[in-house]
Structures are given as C-alpha cells and as structure tokens.
C-alpha cells in the first residue's frame, strides 16, 4: 500500500518495509519510496528500553513529522511511553497488526542506465543470480559494439 506524504512541497508515495531488528527481534519499520530506496527509518532500536510486542519507538529525532504520518495513515497509536538514548527521547507507538503485516522477502534487481535513469533488467531471488545476469548482459553488449552501457545490482525491499 502506498501512503502519501508532502515533503518539502512535493508529494511522495511511500510504502512500509516491515521487518525486525536482528539483535533482539523487535519491530523495525522503514519507509520506502517508489524506486524501492530507503526514505526514512520509522523506528529506532532501543535495546535497553522496555518495549511490548507490536510496539516500537518512533525516530522523531531524525524525522519529526513521523508521529503525524503514523496517526494520519492509521498505522498505530501513541502508548504514552518514551524511550531514551543520549539526549533524545523517542515516543513509543503500538502499531496496528492489519496495517503493518510483514513485508515479503527482498529480491535483487539487475538494472541498466538509460538516459540518466536506471531501468529494470530482471529481478532475482539471490544476489549471485542478479550479478550473473548483469555480467552476461555486459558481455553481450560489449560483443555487439555497445561497450559503454552501465549496469548495477541493487537490493529491492519487499517487492515480489
């Protein structure tokens, strides 16, 4: 699902990438833009703070607009608690399960550069397969007299 956000006078369409922090399994949420790139971390990991299941601390230090975004889009509600790190305090939110179902696994995309924009070549389940495709395409283009085409592989979060 795409969520609208006006950011510095421009409208952005953002989606949620929902996962967990590897060190403690707590809820982690990242906002992703239409190109699959990270836009903002919604949550911050505060391992020393008590945090019930389904709750997370919101990174208002880096993105002060996040509380309004969460409430406006019906993603969760403020619990009344705060977590602390350094000189910053972070509000704790209970996220609604129906709004933050876990994101599908990551894929890897082989892309090529055309007129200043990266275009999709193909998506793969593994990074190795994507690099293999990119190398094959690069070899093919060089063989056919197009030695200056640029390629890359990037991780695409939560797309099918």
N, C-alpha and C. Protein backbone atom coordinates (compact mmCIF):
# COMPACT_ATOMS: atom_id res chain seq x y z
N UNK A 1 0.85 -1.18 0.00
CA UNK A 1 0.00 0.00 0.00
C UNK A 1 0.90 1.24 0.00
N UNK A 2 0.50 2.23 -0.77
CA UNK A 2 1.25 3.49 -0.84
C UNK A 2 0.58 4.53 0.07
N UNK A 3 1.43 5.25 0.80
CA UNK A 3 0.97 6.31 1.69
C UNK A 3 1.48 7.65 1.17
N UNK A 4 0.59 8.65 1.05
CA UNK A 4 1.03 9.96 0.56
C UNK A 4 1.73 10.76 1.65
N UNK A 5 2.71 11.54 1.23
CA UNK A 5 3.40 12.44 2.15
C UNK A 5 3.86 13.66 1.36
N UNK A 6 3.49 14.85 1.87
CA UNK A 6 4.03 16.07 1.27
C UNK A 6 5.35 16.36 1.98
N UNK A 7 6.42 16.38 1.21
CA UNK A 7 7.75 16.55 1.77
C UNK A 7 8.47 17.64 1.00
N UNK A 8 8.76 18.75 1.67
CA UNK A 8 9.38 19.93 1.05
C UNK A 8 8.63 20.37 -0.21
N UNK A 9 7.30 20.40 -0.13
CA UNK A 9 6.48 20.90 -1.22
C UNK A 9 6.19 19.91 -2.32
N UNK A 10 6.71 18.70 -2.24
CA UNK A 10 6.45 17.68 -3.26
C UNK A 10 5.69 16.52 -2.65
N UNK A 11 4.81 15.91 -3.43
CA UNK A 11 4.07 14.75 -2.96
C UNK A 11 4.89 13.49 -3.24
N UNK A 12 5.02 12.67 -2.21
CA UNK A 12 5.75 11.41 -2.32
C UNK A 12 4.76 10.27 -2.05
N UNK A 13 4.96 9.16 -2.72
CA UNK A 13 4.22 7.94 -2.44
C UNK A 13 5.17 6.99 -1.74
N UNK A 14 4.84 6.60 -0.51
CA UNK A 14 5.74 5.77 0.28
C UNK A 14 5.06 4.48 0.69
N UNK A 15 5.86 3.43 0.83
CA UNK A 15 5.33 2.17 1.35
C UNK A 15 6.16 1.77 2.56
N UNK A 16 5.62 0.83 3.33
CA UNK A 16 6.30 0.37 4.53
C UNK A 16 7.08 -0.90 4.23
N UNK A 17 8.29 -0.97 4.77
CA UNK A 17 9.04 -2.22 4.80
C UNK A 17 9.08 -2.62 6.26
N UNK A 18 8.43 -3.72 6.60
CA UNK A 18 8.30 -4.15 7.99
C UNK A 18 9.17 -5.39 8.19
N UNK A 19 10.03 -5.31 9.18
CA UNK A 19 10.94 -6.41 9.48
C UNK A 19 11.22 -6.39 10.98
N UNK A 20 12.36 -6.92 11.39
CA UNK A 20 12.72 -6.90 12.81
C UNK A 20 14.21 -6.63 12.95
N UNK A 21 14.56 -6.09 14.10
CA UNK A 21 15.97 -5.85 14.40
C UNK A 21 16.63 -7.20 14.69
N UNK A 22 17.79 -7.42 14.12
CA UNK A 22 18.43 -8.73 14.24
C UNK A 22 18.93 -9.03 15.65
N UNK A 23 19.28 -8.02 16.44
CA UNK A 23 19.84 -8.30 17.76
C UNK A 23 18.80 -8.64 18.82
N UNK A 24 17.52 -8.27 18.59
CA UNK A 24 16.52 -8.54 19.62
C UNK A 24 15.13 -8.92 19.08
N UNK A 25 14.97 -8.97 17.77
CA UNK A 25 13.69 -9.39 17.18
C UNK A 25 12.56 -8.39 17.31
N UNK A 26 12.85 -7.17 17.75
CA UNK A 26 11.80 -6.17 17.88
C UNK A 26 11.38 -5.62 16.52
N UNK A 27 10.19 -5.07 16.49
CA UNK A 27 9.61 -4.49 15.28
C UNK A 27 10.48 -3.37 14.72
N UNK A 28 10.76 -3.46 13.42
CA UNK A 28 11.52 -2.43 12.71
C UNK A 28 10.74 -2.04 11.46
N UNK A 29 10.58 -0.75 11.22
CA UNK A 29 9.81 -0.27 10.07
C UNK A 29 10.62 0.81 9.34
N UNK A 30 10.66 0.70 8.02
CA UNK A 30 11.36 1.67 7.18
C UNK A 30 10.37 2.14 6.12
N UNK A 31 10.38 3.44 5.81
CA UNK A 31 9.59 3.97 4.70
C UNK A 31 10.43 3.85 3.43
N UNK A 32 9.80 3.34 2.38
CA UNK A 32 10.46 3.11 1.10
C UNK A 32 9.78 3.96 0.03
N UNK A 33 10.57 4.60 -0.84
CA UNK A 33 9.98 5.41 -1.91
C UNK A 33 9.58 4.53 -3.10
N UNK A 34 9.03 5.15 -4.14
CA UNK A 34 8.53 4.41 -5.31
C UNK A 34 9.63 3.64 -6.05
N UNK A 35 10.88 4.08 -5.91
CA UNK A 35 12.00 3.40 -6.57
C UNK A 35 12.58 2.28 -5.73
N UNK A 36 11.97 2.02 -4.55
CA UNK A 36 12.45 0.96 -3.68
C UNK A 36 13.62 1.37 -2.80
N UNK A 37 13.91 2.67 -2.75
CA UNK A 37 15.02 3.17 -1.94
C UNK A 37 14.51 3.58 -0.56
N UNK A 38 15.38 3.47 0.45
CA UNK A 38 15.03 3.91 1.79
C UNK A 38 14.73 5.41 1.79
N UNK A 39 13.61 5.79 2.40
CA UNK A 39 13.24 7.19 2.52
C UNK A 39 13.50 7.68 3.95
N UNK A 40 13.03 6.89 4.94
CA UNK A 40 13.23 7.25 6.34
C UNK A 40 13.03 6.03 7.22
N UNK A 41 13.79 5.97 8.31
CA UNK A 41 13.55 4.95 9.34
C UNK A 41 12.39 5.43 10.19
N UNK A 42 11.36 4.61 10.30
CA UNK A 42 10.23 4.95 11.15
C UNK A 42 10.58 4.66 12.61
N UNK A 43 11.23 3.53 12.82
CA UNK A 43 11.53 3.10 14.18
C UNK A 43 13.02 3.22 14.50
N UNK A 44 13.30 3.24 15.79
CA UNK A 44 14.68 3.25 16.28
C UNK A 44 14.79 2.12 17.30
N UNK A 45 15.92 1.42 17.29
CA UNK A 45 16.13 0.29 18.19
C UNK A 45 16.75 0.78 19.50
N UNK A 46 16.01 0.61 20.58
CA UNK A 46 16.50 0.97 21.91
C UNK A 46 16.48 -0.28 22.78
N UNK A 47 17.52 -1.13 22.67
CA UNK A 47 17.51 -2.42 23.35
C UNK A 47 17.41 -2.33 24.87
N UNK A 48 17.86 -1.22 25.46
CA UNK A 48 17.81 -1.08 26.91
C UNK A 48 16.46 -0.64 27.45
N UNK A 49 15.51 -0.36 26.57
CA UNK A 49 14.19 0.11 26.98
C UNK A 49 13.15 -1.01 26.86
N UNK A 50 12.20 -1.02 27.78
CA UNK A 50 11.11 -1.99 27.74
C UNK A 50 10.19 -1.64 26.56
N UNK A 51 9.84 -2.66 25.78
CA UNK A 51 9.01 -2.43 24.59
C UNK A 51 8.14 -3.66 24.34
N UNK A 52 6.82 -3.56 24.60
CA UNK A 52 5.93 -4.70 24.40
C UNK A 52 5.83 -5.13 22.93
N UNK A 53 5.40 -6.34 22.72
CA UNK A 53 5.17 -6.89 21.38
C UNK A 53 4.23 -5.98 20.59
N UNK A 54 4.56 -5.72 19.33
CA UNK A 54 3.73 -4.88 18.47
C UNK A 54 3.98 -3.39 18.63
N UNK A 55 4.88 -3.04 19.54
CA UNK A 55 5.22 -1.63 19.78
C UNK A 55 6.63 -1.35 19.28
N UNK A 56 6.91 -0.09 19.06
CA UNK A 56 8.25 0.33 18.66
C UNK A 56 8.42 1.81 18.99
N UNK A 57 9.67 2.22 19.14
CA UNK A 57 9.99 3.62 19.37
C UNK A 57 10.15 4.31 18.02
N UNK A 58 9.53 5.48 17.88
CA UNK A 58 9.49 6.21 16.61
C UNK A 58 10.63 7.21 16.56
N UNK A 59 11.34 7.23 15.43
CA UNK A 59 12.52 8.07 15.26
C UNK A 59 12.15 9.52 14.93
N UNK A 60 11.61 10.21 15.93
CA UNK A 60 11.23 11.62 15.75
C UNK A 60 12.44 12.54 15.79
N UNK A 61 13.57 12.04 16.20
CA UNK A 61 14.79 12.84 16.23
C UNK A 61 15.23 13.19 14.81
N UNK A 62 15.18 12.21 13.91
CA UNK A 62 15.58 12.43 12.51
C UNK A 62 14.42 12.83 11.61
N UNK A 63 13.21 12.44 11.98
CA UNK A 63 12.02 12.75 11.17
C UNK A 63 10.88 13.19 12.09
N UNK A 64 10.85 14.46 12.48
CA UNK A 64 9.86 14.93 13.44
C UNK A 64 8.41 14.81 12.96
N UNK A 65 8.20 14.62 11.69
CA UNK A 65 6.86 14.51 11.11
C UNK A 65 6.27 13.10 11.22
N UNK A 66 7.03 12.14 11.73
CA UNK A 66 6.58 10.75 11.74
C UNK A 66 5.34 10.48 12.59
N UNK A 67 5.21 11.13 13.73
CA UNK A 67 4.03 10.88 14.57
C UNK A 67 2.75 11.24 13.82
N UNK A 68 2.76 12.40 13.18
CA UNK A 68 1.59 12.83 12.40
C UNK A 68 1.33 11.84 11.26
N UNK A 69 2.38 11.39 10.60
CA UNK A 69 2.26 10.43 9.49
C UNK A 69 1.62 9.12 9.98
N UNK A 70 2.06 8.61 11.12
CA UNK A 70 1.54 7.35 11.66
C UNK A 70 0.05 7.48 11.98
N UNK A 71 -0.32 8.54 12.67
CA UNK A 71 -1.73 8.73 13.06
C UNK A 71 -2.60 9.00 11.84
N UNK A 72 -2.16 9.88 10.97
CA UNK A 72 -2.93 10.26 9.77
C UNK A 72 -3.25 9.05 8.90
N UNK A 73 -2.28 8.12 8.80
CA UNK A 73 -2.46 6.94 7.95
C UNK A 73 -2.99 5.72 8.68
N UNK A 74 -3.36 5.88 9.95
CA UNK A 74 -3.97 4.80 10.72
C UNK A 74 -3.05 3.62 10.95
N UNK A 75 -1.76 3.90 11.17
CA UNK A 75 -0.79 2.82 11.35
C UNK A 75 -0.64 2.40 12.81
N UNK A 76 -0.95 3.31 13.73
CA UNK A 76 -0.78 2.98 15.14
C UNK A 76 -1.19 4.12 16.04
N UNK A 77 -0.95 3.94 17.35
CA UNK A 77 -1.32 4.96 18.33
C UNK A 77 -0.23 5.08 19.39
N UNK A 78 -0.10 6.27 19.94
CA UNK A 78 0.88 6.57 20.97
C UNK A 78 0.51 5.84 22.25
N UNK A 79 1.48 5.19 22.89
CA UNK A 79 1.22 4.44 24.13
C UNK A 79 1.31 5.31 25.37
N UNK A 80 1.91 6.50 25.25
CA UNK A 80 2.14 7.36 26.41
C UNK A 80 3.54 7.17 26.99
N UNK A 81 4.28 6.19 26.48
CA UNK A 81 5.63 5.92 26.99
C UNK A 81 6.69 6.51 26.05
N UNK A 82 7.87 6.73 26.61
CA UNK A 82 9.01 7.22 25.83
C UNK A 82 10.22 6.34 26.12
N UNK A 83 11.10 6.23 25.13
CA UNK A 83 12.40 5.60 25.31
C UNK A 83 13.46 6.66 25.16
N UNK A 84 14.62 6.43 25.77
CA UNK A 84 15.65 7.46 25.78
C UNK A 84 16.98 6.90 25.29
N UNK A 85 17.70 7.75 24.55
CA UNK A 85 19.05 7.43 24.10
C UNK A 85 19.80 8.76 23.98
N UNK A 86 20.89 8.89 24.70
CA UNK A 86 21.62 10.15 24.68
C UNK A 86 20.73 11.28 25.17
N UNK A 87 20.65 12.35 24.39
CA UNK A 87 19.83 13.50 24.75
C UNK A 87 18.45 13.45 24.07
N UNK A 88 18.14 12.34 23.41
CA UNK A 88 16.89 12.23 22.65
C UNK A 88 15.87 11.36 23.37
N UNK A 89 14.61 11.74 23.21
CA UNK A 89 13.51 10.89 23.70
C UNK A 89 12.68 10.48 22.48
N UNK A 90 12.24 9.24 22.50
CA UNK A 90 11.50 8.68 21.37
C UNK A 90 10.16 8.16 21.84
N UNK A 91 9.05 8.63 21.24
CA UNK A 91 7.72 8.14 21.65
C UNK A 91 7.52 6.68 21.23
N UNK A 92 6.85 5.95 22.09
CA UNK A 92 6.54 4.56 21.79
C UNK A 92 5.14 4.47 21.19
N UNK A 93 5.03 3.77 20.08
CA UNK A 93 3.74 3.58 19.40
C UNK A 93 3.39 2.11 19.34
N UNK A 94 2.10 1.83 19.50
CA UNK A 94 1.57 0.49 19.27
C UNK A 94 1.06 0.49 17.84
N UNK A 95 1.64 -0.36 17.02
CA UNK A 95 1.27 -0.42 15.61
C UNK A 95 0.17 -1.45 15.41
N UNK A 96 -0.82 -1.09 14.59
CA UNK A 96 -1.95 -1.98 14.33
C UNK A 96 -1.50 -3.12 13.43
N UNK A 97 -1.76 -4.38 13.86
CA UNK A 97 -1.29 -5.53 13.08
C UNK A 97 -1.76 -5.53 11.62
N UNK A 98 -2.99 -5.12 11.37
CA UNK A 98 -3.51 -5.12 10.00
C UNK A 98 -2.80 -4.09 9.12
N UNK A 99 -2.20 -3.07 9.73
CA UNK A 99 -1.54 -2.01 8.97
C UNK A 99 -0.08 -2.31 8.68
N UNK A 100 0.51 -3.22 9.46
CA UNK A 100 1.95 -3.45 9.31
C UNK A 100 2.30 -4.92 9.14
N UNK A 101 1.54 -5.64 8.36
CA UNK A 101 1.89 -7.04 8.14
C UNK A 101 3.31 -7.12 7.58
N UNK A 102 4.00 -8.19 7.90
CA UNK A 102 5.41 -8.35 7.48
C UNK A 102 5.55 -8.25 5.98
N UNK A 103 6.60 -7.59 5.56
CA UNK A 103 6.87 -7.40 4.14
C UNK A 103 7.40 -8.68 3.53
N UNK A 104 7.11 -8.90 2.23
CA UNK A 104 7.69 -10.06 1.57
C UNK A 104 9.21 -9.94 1.54
N UNK A 105 9.87 -11.05 1.29
CA UNK A 105 11.34 -11.03 1.32
C UNK A 105 11.92 -10.15 0.23
N UNK A 106 13.16 -9.78 0.44
CA UNK A 106 13.87 -8.93 -0.51
C UNK A 106 14.22 -9.70 -1.78
N UNK A 107 14.31 -8.95 -2.87
CA UNK A 107 14.80 -9.52 -4.13
C UNK A 107 15.98 -8.67 -4.59
N UNK A 108 16.63 -9.13 -5.64
CA UNK A 108 17.77 -8.41 -6.19
C UNK A 108 17.47 -8.09 -7.64
N UNK A 109 17.69 -6.84 -8.02
CA UNK A 109 17.34 -6.36 -9.35
C UNK A 109 18.59 -5.99 -10.13
N UNK A 110 18.72 -6.56 -11.33
CA UNK A 110 19.76 -6.14 -12.27
C UNK A 110 19.17 -4.99 -13.07
N UNK A 111 19.91 -3.88 -13.16
CA UNK A 111 19.42 -2.69 -13.85
C UNK A 111 20.48 -2.16 -14.80
N UNK A 112 20.04 -1.38 -15.78
CA UNK A 112 20.95 -0.71 -16.71
C UNK A 112 20.59 0.76 -16.77
N UNK A 113 21.58 1.57 -17.10
CA UNK A 113 21.40 3.02 -17.15
C UNK A 113 21.03 3.44 -18.56
N UNK A 114 19.89 4.15 -18.68
CA UNK A 114 19.45 4.64 -19.99
C UNK A 114 18.95 6.07 -19.83
N UNK A 115 19.59 6.98 -20.53
CA UNK A 115 19.22 8.40 -20.49
C UNK A 115 19.16 8.95 -19.06
N UNK A 116 20.14 8.57 -18.26
CA UNK A 116 20.22 9.08 -16.91
C UNK A 116 19.32 8.44 -15.88
N UNK A 117 18.58 7.38 -16.24
CA UNK A 117 17.68 6.69 -15.31
C UNK A 117 17.99 5.21 -15.30
N UNK A 118 17.91 4.61 -14.11
CA UNK A 118 18.12 3.17 -14.00
C UNK A 118 16.84 2.44 -14.36
N UNK A 119 16.96 1.47 -15.28
CA UNK A 119 15.81 0.69 -15.75
C UNK A 119 15.97 -0.77 -15.33
N UNK A 120 14.86 -1.40 -15.05
CA UNK A 120 14.87 -2.80 -14.62
C UNK A 120 15.24 -3.71 -15.78
N UNK A 121 16.20 -4.61 -15.53
CA UNK A 121 16.54 -5.66 -16.48
C UNK A 121 15.77 -6.93 -16.08
N UNK A 122 15.95 -7.34 -14.81
CA UNK A 122 15.24 -8.52 -14.31
C UNK A 122 15.42 -8.60 -12.80
N UNK A 123 14.45 -9.25 -12.10
CA UNK A 123 14.54 -9.47 -10.65
C UNK A 123 14.92 -10.92 -10.36
N UNK A 124 15.67 -11.11 -9.27
CA UNK A 124 16.14 -12.44 -8.88
C UNK A 124 15.99 -12.62 -7.37
N UNK A 125 15.92 -13.90 -6.95
CA UNK A 125 15.84 -14.21 -5.53
C UNK A 125 17.19 -14.10 -4.83
N UNK A 126 18.28 -14.28 -5.58
CA UNK A 126 19.60 -14.21 -4.95
C UNK A 126 20.46 -13.15 -5.62
N UNK A 127 21.37 -12.60 -4.84
CA UNK A 127 22.29 -11.58 -5.34
C UNK A 127 23.22 -12.17 -6.41
N UNK A 128 23.65 -13.41 -6.21
CA UNK A 128 24.54 -14.07 -7.17
C UNK A 128 23.90 -14.19 -8.55
N UNK A 129 22.61 -14.57 -8.58
CA UNK A 129 21.91 -14.70 -9.87
C UNK A 129 21.82 -13.34 -10.57
N UNK A 130 21.57 -12.30 -9.81
CA UNK A 130 21.45 -10.95 -10.39
C UNK A 130 22.79 -10.52 -10.98
N UNK A 131 23.89 -10.76 -10.26
CA UNK A 131 25.21 -10.40 -10.78
C UNK A 131 25.56 -11.21 -12.02
N UNK A 132 25.17 -12.47 -12.04
CA UNK A 132 25.41 -13.32 -13.20
C UNK A 132 24.70 -12.75 -14.44
N UNK A 133 23.44 -12.36 -14.26
CA UNK A 133 22.66 -11.77 -15.36
C UNK A 133 23.32 -10.48 -15.83
N UNK A 134 23.72 -9.63 -14.89
CA UNK A 134 24.34 -8.36 -15.23
C UNK A 134 25.64 -8.59 -16.02
N UNK A 135 26.45 -9.54 -15.58
CA UNK A 135 27.71 -9.84 -16.27
C UNK A 135 27.46 -10.40 -17.67
N UNK A 136 26.45 -11.27 -17.80
CA UNK A 136 26.10 -11.82 -19.12
C UNK A 136 25.65 -10.71 -20.06
N UNK A 137 24.82 -9.80 -19.58
CA UNK A 137 24.32 -8.71 -20.40
C UNK A 137 25.46 -7.77 -20.80
N UNK A 138 26.36 -7.49 -19.86
CA UNK A 138 27.51 -6.64 -20.13
C UNK A 138 28.39 -7.27 -21.22
N UNK A 139 28.65 -8.58 -21.10
CA UNK A 139 29.44 -9.29 -22.11
C UNK A 139 28.76 -9.22 -23.48
N UNK A 140 27.44 -9.45 -23.49
CA UNK A 140 26.66 -9.42 -24.74
C UNK A 140 26.76 -8.04 -25.40
N UNK A 141 26.60 -6.98 -24.60
CA UNK A 141 26.65 -5.62 -25.14
C UNK A 141 28.05 -5.28 -25.67
N UNK A 142 29.08 -5.68 -24.95
CA UNK A 142 30.44 -5.45 -25.42
C UNK A 142 30.70 -6.17 -26.74
N UNK A 143 30.22 -7.39 -26.84
CA UNK A 143 30.41 -8.21 -28.05
C UNK A 143 29.72 -7.56 -29.24
N UNK A 144 28.58 -6.89 -28.99
CA UNK A 144 27.79 -6.27 -30.06
C UNK A 144 28.12 -4.79 -30.27
N UNK A 145 29.25 -4.35 -29.74
CA UNK A 145 29.71 -2.99 -30.01
C UNK A 145 29.10 -1.91 -29.16
N UNK A 146 28.53 -2.22 -28.01
CA UNK A 146 27.98 -1.22 -27.09
C UNK A 146 28.72 -1.29 -25.76
N UNK A 147 29.99 -0.88 -25.74
CA UNK A 147 30.81 -1.07 -24.54
C UNK A 147 30.55 -0.09 -23.40
N UNK A 148 29.71 0.90 -23.60
CA UNK A 148 29.56 1.94 -22.58
C UNK A 148 28.25 1.86 -21.80
N UNK A 149 27.51 0.76 -21.93
CA UNK A 149 26.29 0.60 -21.15
C UNK A 149 26.68 0.29 -19.71
N UNK A 150 26.03 0.95 -18.74
CA UNK A 150 26.34 0.73 -17.33
C UNK A 150 25.25 -0.14 -16.71
N UNK A 151 25.69 -1.01 -15.80
CA UNK A 151 24.78 -1.93 -15.10
C UNK A 151 25.04 -1.86 -13.61
N UNK A 152 24.04 -2.28 -12.85
CA UNK A 152 24.20 -2.40 -11.41
C UNK A 152 23.23 -3.45 -10.89
N UNK A 153 23.50 -3.91 -9.69
CA UNK A 153 22.58 -4.80 -8.97
C UNK A 153 22.24 -4.07 -7.68
N UNK A 154 20.94 -4.06 -7.35
CA UNK A 154 20.56 -3.45 -6.06
C UNK A 154 19.49 -4.31 -5.40
N UNK A 155 19.48 -4.23 -4.10
CA UNK A 155 18.50 -4.96 -3.31
C UNK A 155 17.20 -4.18 -3.34
N UNK A 156 16.11 -4.90 -3.57
CA UNK A 156 14.78 -4.28 -3.61
C UNK A 156 14.01 -4.85 -2.43
N UNK A 157 13.65 -3.98 -1.52
CA UNK A 157 13.00 -4.43 -0.29
C UNK A 157 11.52 -4.70 -0.48
N UNK A 158 11.13 -5.90 -0.13
CA UNK A 158 9.73 -6.25 -0.02
C UNK A 158 8.92 -6.23 -1.28
N UNK A 159 9.52 -6.33 -2.45
CA UNK A 159 8.74 -6.43 -3.69
C UNK A 159 8.71 -7.88 -4.13
N UNK A 160 7.70 -8.21 -4.90
CA UNK A 160 7.58 -9.58 -5.41
C UNK A 160 8.15 -9.67 -6.79
